[in-house]
Amino acid sequence: MGAEPLCISFEDVFVRVGCTPRVETRDVPVEKQLDAIIVRPVSGGSLEEIIFRMDLLHRVEALGVYVVNPPTAIERAADKFYALALLEDKGICVPRTLVAENPVAVLKAFKEFNGDIVFKPLFGSRGVGVTRVKDRDTAFRISRTLSYFRHVIYIQEFIPHGYSDVRAFVVGDKVVAAMRRLGIGWKTNVAQGAIPKFHEVSRRNEELAVKAAKTLGCEVAGVDMMETEAGECYVNEVNSQPDWRGLQSVSKVWLAEEIIKHVLSHVHRCEKGVR
């Protein structure tokens, strides 16, 4: 497609202040020789490492390199509480959620959420650490343990969704592919054993997925939606660095190509002086 790829990891990048080149990787001055950066999973690390990686992306973006997804979008999507709050502000239907440090707050929410809640890590992916609880005492004990170890408590109401949900893959202004994930239990992550099936989203849900992605500033996103028997559609999560192996296995669209086409289109517009 006329572009030369360069695959690097964060540990390959050096940043300077007060001297040039300001950002360098493998003897390549990033701000002068790279037109765009596609960010794949930032991956785990210490707090210092994660903050540095995000600062690095902010710095590269400020120097004029096109970053997909923008670091601000990655930060918003990674924080489940902040992401849901932004979605709610835009009128998007999201699950009832409680975020607190005091475990006593969980007891009140447990009743409000009809005695069926889901504990989630505030930062996390692939369904790891997500736990469904239907017993009040168990919910309180888990909350106390989380609080003791200085974790923020993040719980949601469990929404009956037929043990399936929809992952819509948004690139730019459209959903380029989608799948219905059929869980072997209530978890619907492919990483947790769910089976992906080709799914064609309705016009309404496509608009919902695109709106959710844009609300967080994502140009590429995996938007997870849960549909109820009553026809309600909840946006459960927006993934700014989505894995697409499961979706690619049931889609005729080459997802990597769609991302590259989107990025190159932006680069070419900038070369012509059009943004």
Protein backbone atom coordinates (compact mmCIF):
# COMPACT_ATOMS: atom_id res chain seq x y z
CA MET A 1 0.00 0.00 0.00
CA GLY A 2 3.01 2.25 -0.40
CA ALA A 3 3.96 2.55 3.24
CA GLU A 4 7.03 1.19 5.01
CA PRO A 5 6.26 -0.39 8.40
CA LEU A 6 8.55 -0.24 11.40
CA CYS A 7 7.66 -2.50 14.34
CA ILE A 8 8.95 -1.28 17.68
CA SER A 9 8.22 -1.74 21.36
CA PHE A 10 8.17 0.97 24.01
CA GLU A 11 11.52 -0.16 25.39
CA ASP A 12 13.07 0.66 22.00
CA VAL A 13 12.19 4.36 22.29
CA PHE A 14 14.37 7.10 23.79
CA VAL A 15 13.06 10.55 24.68
CA ARG A 16 15.19 13.65 25.16
CA VAL A 17 14.48 17.10 26.53
CA GLY A 18 16.69 20.05 25.63
CA CYS A 19 18.47 18.28 22.79
CA THR A 20 17.76 16.59 19.46
CA PRO A 21 16.50 14.28 18.18
CA ARG A 22 13.78 14.56 20.80
CA VAL A 23 12.28 11.12 20.23
CA GLU A 24 14.38 8.34 18.74
CA THR A 25 14.02 4.63 18.06
CA ARG A 26 16.66 2.41 16.50
CA ASP A 27 18.59 5.49 15.31
CA VAL A 28 15.43 6.81 13.66
CA PRO A 29 14.29 10.33 14.72
CA VAL A 30 10.59 9.67 15.22
CA GLU A 31 9.26 13.19 14.70
CA LYS A 32 11.12 13.54 11.39
CA GLN A 33 10.81 10.13 9.78
CA LEU A 34 7.55 8.60 11.02
CA ASP A 35 4.25 9.82 9.61
CA ALA A 36 2.05 7.78 11.93
CA ILE A 37 2.11 5.38 14.85
CA ILE A 38 -0.45 2.63 15.38
CA VAL A 39 -0.51 1.73 19.07
CA ARG A 40 -1.08 -1.90 19.86
CA PRO A 41 -1.50 -3.03 23.49
CA VAL A 42 0.43 -0.80 25.87
CA SER A 43 0.85 -3.97 27.98
CA GLY A 44 1.34 -4.30 31.69
CA GLY A 45 4.03 -2.63 33.70
CA SER A 46 4.76 -0.64 36.81
CA LEU A 47 2.94 2.63 37.43
CA GLU A 48 6.07 4.50 36.34
CA GLU A 49 6.30 2.51 33.11
CA ILE A 50 2.65 3.02 32.20
CA ILE A 51 2.79 6.76 32.91
CA PHE A 52 5.99 7.08 30.88
CA ARG A 53 4.49 5.24 27.90
CA MET A 54 1.49 7.53 27.88
CA ASP A 55 3.70 10.61 28.30
CA LEU A 56 5.76 9.34 25.38
CA LEU A 57 2.69 9.07 23.15
CA HIS A 58 1.55 12.55 24.20
CA ARG A 59 5.01 13.90 23.35
CA VAL A 60 5.12 12.22 19.96
CA GLU A 61 1.65 13.53 19.14
CA ALA A 62 2.65 17.06 20.16
CA LEU A 63 5.61 16.83 17.79
CA GLY A 64 3.23 16.30 14.88
CA VAL A 65 3.16 12.52 14.48
CA TYR A 66 -0.30 11.05 13.88
CA VAL A 67 -1.02 8.58 16.71
CA VAL A 68 -3.84 6.00 16.52
CA ASN A 69 -5.43 5.77 18.95
CA PRO A 70 -4.56 9.15 20.47
CA PRO A 71 -3.11 8.83 23.99
CA THR A 72 -6.03 10.75 25.47
CA ALA A 73 -8.44 8.17 24.03
CA ILE A 74 -6.37 5.29 25.40
CA GLU A 75 -6.37 6.86 28.86
CA ARG A 76 -10.12 7.45 28.81
CA ALA A 77 -10.98 3.95 27.61
CA ALA A 78 -8.61 2.24 30.05
CA ASP A 79 -10.38 3.80 33.03
CA LYS A 80 -13.72 1.97 33.14
CA PHE A 81 -15.35 4.45 35.51
CA TYR A 82 -14.34 7.57 33.58
CA ALA A 83 -15.26 5.96 30.26
CA LEU A 84 -18.77 5.04 31.44
CA ALA A 85 -19.27 8.50 32.90
CA LEU A 86 -18.40 10.10 29.56
CA LEU A 87 -20.72 7.72 27.72
CA GLU A 88 -23.57 8.47 30.13
CA ASP A 89 -23.03 12.20 29.63
CA LYS A 90 -23.64 11.68 25.91
CA GLY A 91 -26.92 9.88 26.55
CA ILE A 92 -25.56 6.38 25.87
CA CYS A 93 -27.19 3.60 27.89
CA VAL A 94 -24.68 1.97 30.26
CA PRO A 95 -25.09 -0.55 33.11
CA ARG A 96 -25.79 0.83 36.60
CA THR A 97 -22.40 1.03 38.25
CA LEU A 98 -20.96 1.81 41.68
CA VAL A 99 -17.38 2.94 42.24
CA ALA A 100 -16.24 3.44 45.82
CA GLU A 101 -13.50 2.93 48.38
CA ASN A 102 -15.84 2.19 51.29
CA PRO A 103 -17.18 -1.41 51.26
CA VAL A 104 -20.32 -0.29 53.12
CA ALA A 105 -21.47 1.40 49.92
CA VAL A 106 -21.63 -2.01 48.25
CA LEU A 107 -24.37 -3.20 50.62
CA LYS A 108 -26.68 -0.42 49.52
CA ALA A 109 -25.85 -0.92 45.85
CA PHE A 110 -26.32 -4.69 46.15
CA LYS A 111 -29.97 -4.13 47.00
CA GLU A 112 -30.40 -1.45 44.34
CA PHE A 113 -28.92 -3.79 41.74
CA ASN A 114 -31.43 -6.56 42.58
CA GLY A 115 -28.96 -8.74 44.44
CA ASP A 116 -26.98 -9.72 41.36
CA ILE A 117 -23.72 -7.83 40.80
CA VAL A 118 -20.46 -8.13 38.93
CA PHE A 119 -17.11 -7.13 40.42
CA LYS A 120 -14.60 -5.81 37.90
CA PRO A 121 -11.06 -4.47 38.16
CA LEU A 122 -11.04 -0.74 37.42
CA PHE A 123 -8.27 -1.39 34.91
CA GLY A 124 -8.28 -4.72 33.09
CA SER A 125 -9.28 -6.62 30.00
CA ARG A 126 -10.30 -10.01 28.57
CA GLY A 127 -12.61 -10.76 31.47
CA VAL A 128 -9.75 -11.48 33.87
CA GLY A 129 -10.73 -10.88 37.48
CA VAL A 130 -14.40 -10.31 36.68
CA THR A 131 -16.63 -12.04 39.25
CA ARG A 132 -20.41 -12.38 39.54
CA VAL A 133 -21.85 -12.40 43.06
CA LYS A 134 -25.42 -13.05 44.16
CA ASP A 135 -24.85 -13.36 47.90
CA ARG A 136 -24.87 -10.21 50.06
CA ASP A 137 -22.35 -11.43 52.63
CA THR A 138 -19.96 -12.62 49.93
CA ALA A 139 -20.21 -9.25 48.20
CA PHE A 140 -19.33 -7.47 51.43
CA ARG A 141 -16.37 -9.76 52.21
CA ILE A 142 -14.95 -9.27 48.73
CA SER A 143 -15.40 -5.51 49.09
CA ARG A 144 -13.63 -5.45 52.46
CA THR A 145 -10.72 -7.44 51.05
CA LEU A 146 -10.39 -5.11 48.07
CA SER A 147 -10.51 -2.09 50.37
CA TYR A 148 -7.92 -3.58 52.72
CA PHE A 149 -5.45 -3.94 49.84
CA ARG A 150 -6.16 -0.38 48.70
CA HIS A 151 -8.16 -1.31 45.61
CA VAL A 152 -11.03 0.80 44.33
CA ILE A 153 -14.30 -1.17 44.39
CA TYR A 154 -16.01 -1.28 41.01
CA ILE A 155 -19.30 -3.15 40.65
CA GLN A 156 -22.09 -3.27 38.07
CA GLU A 157 -25.58 -4.66 37.99
CA PHE A 158 -25.74 -7.98 36.14
CA ILE A 159 -27.75 -7.51 32.98
CA PRO A 160 -29.41 -10.68 31.60
CA HIS A 161 -28.17 -10.90 28.04
CA GLY A 162 -28.65 -14.52 27.04
CA TYR A 163 -24.97 -15.31 27.67
CA SER A 164 -24.01 -13.43 24.52
CA ASP A 165 -22.98 -9.93 23.51
CA VAL A 166 -21.89 -8.06 20.40
CA ARG A 167 -18.41 -6.74 19.64
CA ALA A 168 -18.56 -4.02 16.98
CA PHE A 169 -15.24 -3.08 15.44
CA VAL A 170 -15.20 0.62 14.68
CA VAL A 171 -12.69 2.21 12.31
CA GLY A 172 -13.22 5.91 11.68
CA ASP A 173 -16.88 6.63 11.06
CA LYS A 174 -18.16 3.10 10.55
CA VAL A 175 -18.40 -0.41 11.92
CA VAL A 176 -16.24 -2.47 9.56
CA ALA A 177 -17.10 -5.84 11.16
CA ALA A 178 -18.94 -7.32 14.09
CA MET A 179 -19.41 -10.60 15.89
CA ARG A 180 -21.75 -12.07 18.42
CA ARG A 181 -19.83 -13.78 21.20
CA LEU A 182 -21.57 -16.83 22.60
CA GLY A 183 -20.33 -17.58 26.11
CA ILE A 184 -20.12 -21.00 27.68
CA GLY A 185 -21.26 -19.17 30.82
CA TRP A 186 -22.17 -15.59 31.62
CA LYS A 187 -18.75 -14.29 30.54
CA THR A 188 -18.66 -13.52 26.83
CA ASN A 189 -14.97 -12.79 26.25
CA VAL A 190 -13.36 -14.90 23.53
CA ALA A 191 -10.32 -15.11 25.83
CA GLN A 192 -12.63 -16.79 28.38
CA GLY A 193 -13.87 -19.41 25.93
CA ALA A 194 -16.75 -17.64 24.17
CA ILE A 195 -17.41 -18.67 20.57
CA PRO A 196 -17.40 -15.90 17.95
CA LYS A 197 -20.14 -15.84 15.32
CA PHE A 198 -20.52 -13.45 12.39
CA HIS A 199 -22.99 -10.71 13.19
CA GLU A 200 -24.41 -7.88 11.13
CA VAL A 201 -25.24 -4.93 13.36
CA SER A 202 -28.41 -2.94 12.86
CA ARG A 203 -28.18 0.64 11.69
CA ARG A 204 -29.19 1.81 15.16
CA ASN A 205 -26.47 -0.20 16.88
CA GLU A 206 -23.85 0.85 14.34
CA GLU A 207 -24.61 4.49 15.10
CA LEU A 208 -24.44 3.67 18.81
CA ALA A 209 -21.04 1.98 18.49
CA VAL A 210 -19.57 4.82 16.43
CA LYS A 211 -20.95 7.40 18.87
CA ALA A 212 -19.43 5.51 21.81
CA ALA A 213 -16.02 5.33 20.12
CA LYS A 214 -16.07 9.02 19.21
CA THR A 215 -17.16 9.99 22.72
CA LEU A 216 -13.86 8.63 24.04
CA GLY A 217 -11.87 9.95 21.07
CA CYS A 218 -11.12 6.51 19.60
CA GLU A 219 -10.55 6.17 15.86
CA VAL A 220 -10.22 2.41 16.21
CA ALA A 221 -12.25 0.64 18.87
CA GLY A 222 -13.92 -2.57 19.89
CA VAL A 223 -17.29 -1.58 21.31
CA ASP A 224 -19.00 -4.21 23.48
CA MET A 225 -22.79 -4.07 23.55
CA MET A 226 -25.29 -6.16 25.48
CA GLU A 227 -28.83 -6.61 24.20
CA THR A 228 -31.71 -7.55 26.50
CA GLU A 229 -34.88 -9.44 25.65
CA ALA A 230 -36.75 -6.14 25.98
CA GLY A 231 -34.71 -4.73 23.12
CA GLU A 232 -32.51 -2.44 25.22
CA CYS A 233 -28.89 -2.11 24.16
CA TYR A 234 -26.20 -1.26 26.71
CA VAL A 235 -22.65 -0.22 25.90
CA ASN A 236 -20.62 -2.18 28.39
CA GLU A 237 -17.11 -1.19 27.37
CA VAL A 238 -15.07 0.56 24.69
CA ASN A 239 -11.69 -1.04 24.00
CA SER A 240 -9.12 1.37 22.57
CA GLN A 241 -6.64 -1.41 21.78
CA PRO A 242 -8.90 -4.29 20.77
CA ASP A 243 -7.68 -7.76 19.95
CA TRP A 244 -9.34 -9.01 16.76
CA ARG A 245 -8.26 -12.62 16.38
CA GLY A 246 -11.71 -13.94 17.27
CA LEU A 247 -13.47 -11.41 15.06
CA GLN A 248 -11.11 -11.98 12.15
CA SER A 249 -11.88 -15.69 12.25
CA VAL A 250 -15.53 -15.00 11.36
CA SER A 251 -15.14 -11.88 9.24
CA LYS A 252 -14.43 -11.54 5.51
CA VAL A 253 -13.06 -8.06 6.10
CA TRP A 254 -9.30 -7.87 6.66
CA LEU A 255 -9.30 -5.79 9.81
CA ALA A 256 -5.61 -4.85 9.82
CA GLU A 257 -6.01 -3.52 6.28
CA GLU A 258 -9.00 -1.39 7.34
CA ILE A 259 -6.89 0.23 10.06
CA ILE A 260 -3.97 0.85 7.72
CA LYS A 261 -6.25 2.34 5.05
CA HIS A 262 -7.73 4.68 7.64
CA VAL A 263 -4.30 5.79 8.86
CA LEU A 264 -2.87 6.29 5.37
CA SER A 265 -5.93 8.26 4.33
CA HIS A 266 -5.24 10.72 7.14
CA VAL A 267 -1.54 10.91 6.29
CA HIS A 268 -2.27 11.62 2.61
CA ARG A 269 -4.78 14.34 3.53
CA CYS A 270 -2.17 16.01 5.75
CA GLU A 271 0.38 15.87 2.94
CA LYS A 272 -2.11 17.80 0.79
CA GLY A 273 -2.68 20.28 3.59
CA VAL A 274 -6.20 19.01 4.38
CA ARG A 275 -7.05 17.81 7.91
